[in-house]
Protein backbone atom coordinates (compact mmCIF):
# COMPACT_ATOMS: atom_id res chain seq x y z
CA MET A 1 86.16 45.24 105.99
CA VAL A 2 86.11 48.67 105.16
CA GLU A 3 89.86 50.84 104.84
CA TYR A 4 89.59 54.35 105.17
CA PHE A 5 92.88 56.67 104.32
CA ARG A 6 93.71 60.14 105.21
CA CYS A 7 95.12 62.14 103.10
CA GLN A 8 98.57 63.85 103.53
CA ARG A 9 98.00 67.05 101.70
CA CYS A 10 94.45 68.26 102.80
CA GLU A 11 93.46 65.63 105.57
CA LEU A 12 90.30 64.57 104.21
CA ILE A 13 90.01 60.88 105.39
CA PHE A 14 87.50 58.74 102.65
CA THR A 15 86.84 55.63 101.81
CA ASP A 16 87.29 53.72 98.44
CA PHE A 17 84.85 51.30 98.88
CA PHE A 18 81.76 52.26 98.07
CA ASP A 19 82.85 54.26 95.13
CA GLU A 20 81.25 52.16 92.41
CA TRP A 21 78.06 52.38 94.03
CA SER A 22 74.83 53.86 92.65
CA ASN A 23 72.03 56.14 94.35
CA GLN A 24 70.04 52.63 94.11
CA ASP A 25 73.00 50.24 95.79
CA PHE A 26 72.84 53.03 98.44
CA SER A 27 69.05 53.13 98.86
CA ASP A 28 68.76 49.43 99.00
CA PHE A 29 71.68 48.99 101.41
CA ILE A 30 72.25 52.33 103.51
CA TYR A 31 69.03 54.63 103.62
CA ASN A 32 66.40 51.49 103.96
CA ASP A 33 64.08 50.86 106.46
CA GLU A 34 66.52 50.23 108.86
CA TYR A 35 68.70 53.26 108.77
CA ILE A 36 66.51 54.83 111.60
CA LYS A 37 68.05 52.04 113.82
CA VAL A 38 71.54 53.12 113.10
CA ASP A 39 71.01 57.43 113.14
CA PRO A 40 67.43 57.43 115.07
CA GLU A 41 67.51 61.15 114.78
CA TYR A 42 67.81 61.57 111.17
CA GLU A 43 63.91 61.85 109.99
CA THR A 44 62.75 64.90 113.01
CA VAL A 45 65.19 65.33 116.00
CA ARG A 46 68.07 66.46 114.58
CA PRO A 47 66.04 68.76 111.48
CA CYS A 48 64.33 70.37 113.97
CA ARG A 49 67.38 71.02 116.09
CA SER A 50 69.27 72.61 113.38
CA ALA A 51 66.19 74.74 112.13
CA ALA A 52 65.87 75.91 115.77
CA GLU A 53 69.52 77.05 115.91
CA LEU A 54 69.68 78.55 112.85
CA ALA A 55 66.68 80.34 112.93
CA GLY A 56 68.03 83.69 114.47
CA SER A 57 70.96 83.83 112.52
CA LEU A 58 68.78 84.32 109.25
CA ASP A 59 66.94 87.13 110.57
CA GLY A 60 65.99 89.35 107.72
CA ALA A 61 66.17 86.46 105.51
CA GLN A 62 62.18 85.17 105.54
CA ASP A 63 61.44 85.91 101.96
CA ALA A 64 64.58 84.82 100.82
CA ARG A 65 64.57 81.61 98.31
CA LEU A 66 66.22 78.87 100.67
CA LEU A 67 67.61 75.28 99.70
CA ASP A 68 68.15 72.58 102.06
CA TYR A 69 70.87 70.16 100.41
CA GLY A 70 70.77 66.75 101.45
CA SER A 71 67.29 66.97 102.80
CA GLY A 72 66.69 63.67 103.95
CA SER A 73 63.16 63.35 104.94
CA GLY A 74 62.65 66.87 104.01
CA ALA A 75 61.79 67.99 107.82
CA PHE A 76 64.30 71.03 108.20
CA ALA A 77 62.46 72.76 105.02
CA GLN A 78 58.85 72.03 106.63
CA GLU A 79 60.48 73.32 110.11
CA MET A 80 61.98 76.75 108.69
CA ARG A 81 58.33 77.35 106.88
CA GLN A 82 57.01 76.76 110.01
CA ARG A 83 59.17 79.53 111.27
CA GLY A 84 58.35 81.92 108.88
CA PHE A 85 61.05 80.94 105.85
CA GLY A 86 58.41 80.20 103.33
CA ALA A 87 60.47 79.79 100.29
CA THR A 88 62.50 77.31 101.80
CA GLU A 89 62.53 74.07 99.06
CA SER A 90 64.54 70.66 99.39
CA TYR A 91 66.55 68.61 97.50
CA ASP A 92 68.22 64.93 98.48
CA PRO A 93 70.08 63.34 95.60
CA ILE A 94 68.62 60.32 96.69
CA SER A 95 65.28 61.00 99.31
CA ASN A 96 63.89 63.39 96.60
CA PRO A 97 66.15 63.81 93.52
CA VAL A 98 64.02 65.81 91.45
CA PRO A 99 66.72 69.17 91.12
CA PRO A 100 65.97 72.81 91.95
CA THR A 101 65.43 75.54 89.48
CA GLY A 102 67.19 78.84 89.50
CA LYS A 103 69.58 80.55 92.00
CA PHE A 104 69.28 80.42 95.61
CA ASP A 105 70.19 83.23 98.64
CA ILE A 106 70.83 80.68 101.30
CA ILE A 107 71.56 76.99 101.08
CA THR A 108 71.99 75.00 103.93
CA CYS A 109 73.80 71.35 104.59
CA PHE A 110 73.44 69.59 107.72
CA ASP A 111 75.71 66.35 108.38
CA VAL A 112 75.26 65.68 104.85
CA ILE A 113 78.98 65.68 102.87
CA GLU A 114 80.10 62.95 104.98
CA HIS A 115 78.12 60.85 102.97
CA THR A 116 79.22 61.84 99.57
CA THR A 117 81.87 59.77 97.63
CA ASP A 118 82.62 62.95 95.46
CA PRO A 119 82.88 65.68 97.40
CA ARG A 120 84.53 68.13 95.17
CA HIS A 121 81.63 67.46 92.85
CA THR A 122 79.20 67.71 95.65
CA LEU A 123 80.23 71.28 97.17
CA ALA A 124 80.79 72.41 93.50
CA GLU A 125 77.22 71.41 92.67
CA MET A 126 76.21 73.54 95.94
CA MET A 127 77.91 76.72 94.86
CA GLY A 128 76.41 76.16 91.62
CA TYR A 129 73.06 76.78 93.04
CA LEU A 130 74.06 79.59 95.02
CA ALA A 131 73.51 83.33 93.88
CA ASP A 132 76.56 84.76 92.76
CA ASP A 133 76.00 87.17 96.48
CA GLY A 134 74.68 84.17 98.40
CA CYS A 135 76.15 82.01 101.42
CA LEU A 136 76.27 78.79 101.88
CA LEU A 137 76.25 77.05 105.65
CA VAL A 138 77.58 73.39 106.19
CA GLY A 139 77.51 72.19 109.60
CA GLN A 140 79.71 69.00 109.70
CA THR A 141 81.12 67.30 112.18
CA LEU A 142 85.20 67.50 111.51
CA GLN A 143 87.61 65.61 112.70
CA PRO A 144 88.87 65.88 116.43
CA ALA A 145 92.50 67.17 117.46
CA ASP A 146 93.45 63.60 118.48
CA ILE A 147 92.17 61.78 115.33
CA ALA A 148 96.03 61.00 114.20
CA GLU A 149 96.00 58.85 117.67
CA ILE A 150 92.28 57.17 117.39
CA ARG A 151 92.45 56.91 114.00
CA GLY A 152 89.41 54.50 112.81
CA ASN A 153 88.31 54.01 116.36
CA TRP A 154 86.47 57.87 116.13
CA TRP A 155 83.06 57.10 117.02
CA TYR A 156 81.59 59.04 113.86
CA VAL A 157 83.76 56.73 111.21
CA ALA A 158 80.81 54.56 110.93
CA PRO A 159 80.34 52.86 107.00
CA ARG A 160 76.90 51.45 107.86
CA ASN A 161 75.48 54.81 108.68
CA GLY A 162 76.83 55.86 105.14
CA HIS A 163 79.70 58.02 106.30
CA VAL A 164 82.14 57.89 103.66
CA THR A 165 84.48 61.22 103.99
CA PHE A 166 85.39 63.08 107.13
CA TYR A 167 86.74 66.46 107.27
CA SER A 168 88.99 68.82 109.38
CA SER A 169 88.50 72.47 108.97
CA GLU A 170 92.03 72.77 107.33
CA THR A 171 90.49 70.59 104.49
CA MET A 172 87.68 73.26 103.65
CA HIS A 173 90.32 75.97 103.78
CA PHE A 174 92.12 74.08 101.07
CA TYR A 175 89.04 73.65 98.94
CA ALA A 176 88.09 77.55 99.28
CA ALA A 177 91.32 78.64 98.47
CA ASP A 178 91.34 76.46 95.63
CA ASN A 179 88.53 77.73 94.46
CA GLY A 180 88.17 81.14 94.83
CA LEU A 181 85.94 81.05 97.40
CA ARG A 182 86.09 83.00 100.76
CA PHE A 183 85.85 80.88 103.75
CA ASP A 184 84.42 81.74 107.54
CA ASP A 185 84.89 79.17 110.31
CA PHE A 186 82.83 78.59 113.08
CA GLY A 187 83.95 75.34 114.09
CA ASN A 188 81.25 72.34 113.14
CA LEU A 189 79.49 75.08 111.03
CA PHE A 190 81.30 76.99 108.08
CA ALA A 191 80.43 79.30 105.45
CA LEU A 192 81.48 79.46 101.67
CA THR A 193 80.57 82.05 99.49
CA HIS A 194 81.68 83.77 96.10
CA PRO A 195 84.14 86.80 96.80
CA ARG A 196 81.00 89.11 96.41
CA ARG A 197 78.32 89.23 99.20
CA SER A 198 74.94 90.59 99.73
CA PRO A 199 74.74 92.64 102.62
CA LEU A 200 72.20 89.67 104.04
CA THR A 201 75.03 87.23 103.46
CA GLU A 202 77.07 89.41 105.62
CA ALA A 203 74.56 90.14 107.95
CA ILE A 204 74.18 86.13 108.58
CA ILE A 205 78.02 85.13 108.69
CA GLU A 206 78.17 88.15 111.38
CA ARG A 207 75.72 86.49 113.54
CA ARG A 208 77.41 83.46 113.75
CA GLY A 209 80.24 84.35 115.54
CA PRO A 210 83.09 83.69 117.53
CA LYS A 211 84.63 82.28 114.48
CA VAL A 212 87.67 79.62 114.73
CA ARG A 213 90.65 82.74 114.54
CA ARG A 214 93.75 82.24 113.14
CA ILE A 215 97.04 83.88 113.82
CA LEU A 216 100.43 83.40 111.32
CA LEU A 217 103.61 83.63 113.48
CA GLY A 218 107.28 83.25 112.35
CA SER A 219 110.57 83.10 113.46
CA PRO A 220 112.36 86.91 114.26
CA PRO A 221 113.28 89.24 111.22
CA ALA A 222 116.14 88.36 109.26
CA ASP A 223 117.83 92.09 109.91
CA ALA A 224 116.89 91.69 114.05
CA GLY A 225 120.50 89.93 113.98
CA GLU A 226 120.99 87.69 117.29
CA PHE A 227 118.29 86.41 118.62
CA SER A 228 117.16 84.59 122.07
CA GLY A 229 116.02 81.00 121.35
CA TRP A 230 117.09 81.39 117.18
CA HIS A 231 119.98 80.76 115.19
CA ILE A 232 120.99 83.76 112.93
CA ALA A 233 118.51 83.88 109.71
CA GLU A 234 119.47 81.98 106.21
CA THR A 235 118.34 82.88 102.76
CA THR A 236 116.68 80.64 100.22
CA PRO A 237 115.20 81.57 96.93
CA ASP A 238 112.14 80.81 99.07
CA GLY A 239 112.45 83.35 101.59
CA ASP A 240 114.71 83.56 104.86
CA PHE A 241 114.18 81.30 108.14
CA ARG A 242 115.73 80.27 111.55
CA TRP A 243 116.83 77.36 112.99
CA THR A 244 115.65 77.18 116.41
CA ARG A 245 118.37 76.43 119.18
CA GLU A 246 116.51 76.16 122.52
CA ALA A 247 113.91 73.53 123.92
CA ASP A 248 111.46 76.91 124.52
CA VAL A 249 111.66 79.33 122.00
CA SER A 250 108.61 82.43 122.64
CA LEU A 251 106.98 83.54 119.71
CA GLY A 252 105.61 86.83 121.68
CA THR A 253 102.71 87.58 123.70
CA HIS A 254 99.04 87.87 121.54
CA PRO A 255 95.30 88.25 122.49
CA THR A 256 93.57 85.14 121.75
CA PRO A 257 90.13 85.23 121.58
CA PHE A 258 87.35 83.40 122.89
CA GLY A 259 86.53 79.89 121.94
CA GLU A 260 88.44 77.95 118.99
CA PHE A 261 92.05 79.67 117.75
CA ARG A 262 94.87 78.48 115.31
CA VAL A 263 98.18 79.12 115.66
CA ILE A 264 99.78 78.82 112.07
CA LEU A 265 103.88 78.72 111.60
CA ASN A 266 105.57 78.71 108.07
CA TYR A 267 108.21 76.06 108.35
CA LYS A 268 111.24 74.74 105.84
CA GLY A 269 111.46 71.63 107.47
CA THR A 270 113.09 69.82 110.50
CA ILE A 271 116.09 68.28 112.28
CA SER A 272 113.68 64.66 111.76
CA PRO A 273 110.12 63.70 111.56
CA GLN A 274 110.49 62.34 115.25
CA PHE A 275 111.31 65.64 116.86
CA LEU A 276 108.65 67.38 114.90
CA HIS A 277 106.43 64.58 116.10
CA ALA A 278 107.06 65.67 119.77
CA SER A 279 107.15 69.42 119.66
CA ARG A 280 104.30 70.99 121.31
CA ILE A 281 102.72 74.87 120.99
CA ARG A 282 101.49 76.40 124.29
CA ALA A 283 99.38 79.27 124.54
CA GLY A 284 99.04 80.52 127.67
CA THR A 285 98.83 77.30 129.96
CA VAL A 286 97.64 75.53 127.40
CA GLU A 287 99.72 72.63 125.12
CA SER A 288 98.61 71.32 122.13
CA PRO A 289 100.41 69.15 119.70
CA ILE A 290 102.03 70.46 116.04
CA ARG A 291 99.61 69.14 113.19
CA THR A 292 101.16 69.53 109.58
CA HIS A 293 99.55 71.06 106.15
CA GLU A 294 101.03 72.13 102.96
CA GLY A 295 103.99 73.78 104.27
CA LEU A 296 102.53 74.41 107.71
CA LEU A 297 102.73 74.00 111.18
CA TYR A 298 99.75 74.26 113.06
CA ALA A 299 97.95 73.96 116.64
CA LEU A 300 94.71 74.21 117.86
CA PHE A 301 93.28 75.38 120.97
CA ASP A 302 89.94 76.20 122.39
CA PHE A 303 89.87 78.84 124.88
CA PRO A 304 87.00 79.78 127.43
CA ALA A 305 87.65 83.49 127.79
CA ALA A 306 89.54 86.40 125.75
CA GLY A 307 93.43 87.24 126.99
CA MET A 308 96.88 88.01 125.68
CA ARG A 309 98.97 84.85 126.22
CA ASP A 310 102.02 83.69 125.50
CA ILE A 311 102.76 81.67 122.65
CA VAL A 312 105.75 79.22 122.90
CA ILE A 313 107.26 76.39 120.86
CA ARG A 314 108.32 73.75 122.85
CA GLN A 315 110.45 70.92 121.73
CA PRO A 316 112.26 68.15 123.17
CA PRO A 317 116.31 68.45 123.49
CA ILE A 318 117.51 69.29 120.48
CA PRO A 319 120.34 67.35 118.58
CA SER A 320 122.63 68.67 116.16
CA PRO A 321 123.28 67.14 112.68
CA ALA A 322 126.08 65.62 113.66
CA ALA A 323 125.10 63.83 116.48
CA LEU A 324 122.31 62.06 114.15
CA GLY A 325 125.07 61.56 111.60
CA GLN A 326 123.71 63.77 109.18
CA GLY A 327 127.01 65.97 108.77
CA GLU A 328 129.54 67.83 110.66
CA ASP A 329 127.52 70.79 111.61
CA ARG A 330 127.28 70.55 115.20
CA ARG A 331 124.94 73.15 116.44
CA PRO A 332 121.34 72.24 117.61
CA LEU A 333 118.88 72.54 115.04
CA GLY A 334 115.54 71.96 115.72
CA LEU A 335 112.57 73.40 113.54
CA ALA A 336 113.61 75.64 110.48
CA ILE A 337 110.75 78.58 110.48
CA SER A 338 109.92 81.12 108.16
CA CYS A 339 111.14 84.73 109.23
CA LEU A 340 108.30 87.65 109.70
C-alpha cells in the first residue's frame, strides 16, 4: 500500500513511502531496466517532443548557457544542441550525478519534480544554478480540476513510475511568493525567476503565452451602502466584508481571456462547509466548483475565446444561523466576502 496525502494549505499531493529511500534504492527498484515498460516515451520520444515545442520560444538564446535538470537519458540536451543551442548541458541526480558548474541563463525541467521527495530542496537547487536574471522553465502535469473527487484514481498517481509528489498551480504560486520569486503560469508549463529579469528572459516569457490569467474580485465597497445580493458591510480588524444574502450574486461583467483563467475571492468565512462545497462560480455560461486556498476562494476556467463575461456566485438556498441552530440571527447568510 502506497498512501498519498494532500496538504490543505498549498494543495501539494505527496506520499512519504519513499522518504527514506536513497538514490541507489530508486535506481534499483524504480529507474531500472524495467522502467521503459511503464514509461515507454521516457528515453527519446518525450525529450525530443519537448525540445521541438520549446525551441521556438528560445529563439535568440542559441548562445546562452542552458541546463536541462533531471535530464534522464540526455536526449533533450542532444536534441537542443542539434537545433543550434550548443551550450546545452545535462544534469540528473540519478542518471548523470556529476553536478554542473557555474550559473545558467536558462534551466529547463520537464516531467521531473513529480519524482522528488523533497520539492523545496529540488526547486531551491535549480534556482541556485540559475543566473540572477535568468529563467527556470518547468514543464509539469498539474492536478486536474476534479482532483478532490477522483483523488488517487488520477492516472498520474503511479508510484511504480516514481511519481511521489503532485502540484497544482496554486502550489507553485505559493512557493514563489514564499521565496520572493516571480512566477508566470502557462498551464502545464511555468516560469520561475528572480525579481530582476534579463531582456532575454522577458522575451522568452512573452513568447510562451497565453498565460493563466487571474482576476481578484470581492463584495461591493463598504461605503456603497445597500447593494443587491449583499448585506450591509461589516467591519473587522482585518478589513470590511459582506455576507451574501441571495442565491445568485453578481460580481459584475469582466474581460476574460482566451485560455486558462482564474477567478479569486478573498473571503472571511461561510455559514457551513457544506454550503461552501455546494457553491459555484459562473463565468458567462460556464460553471466551475469553488476551491479554497489560504483564505481565498477560486474557480478555474478554460475559455475557447476572449470576451466580456458576467461572473456570478451561484449558491444553494441560503440558511440563517437561527435555522441551523447557531444563534438567533435570522438573516440568510451564505459566504462572507471581503470588500473591494
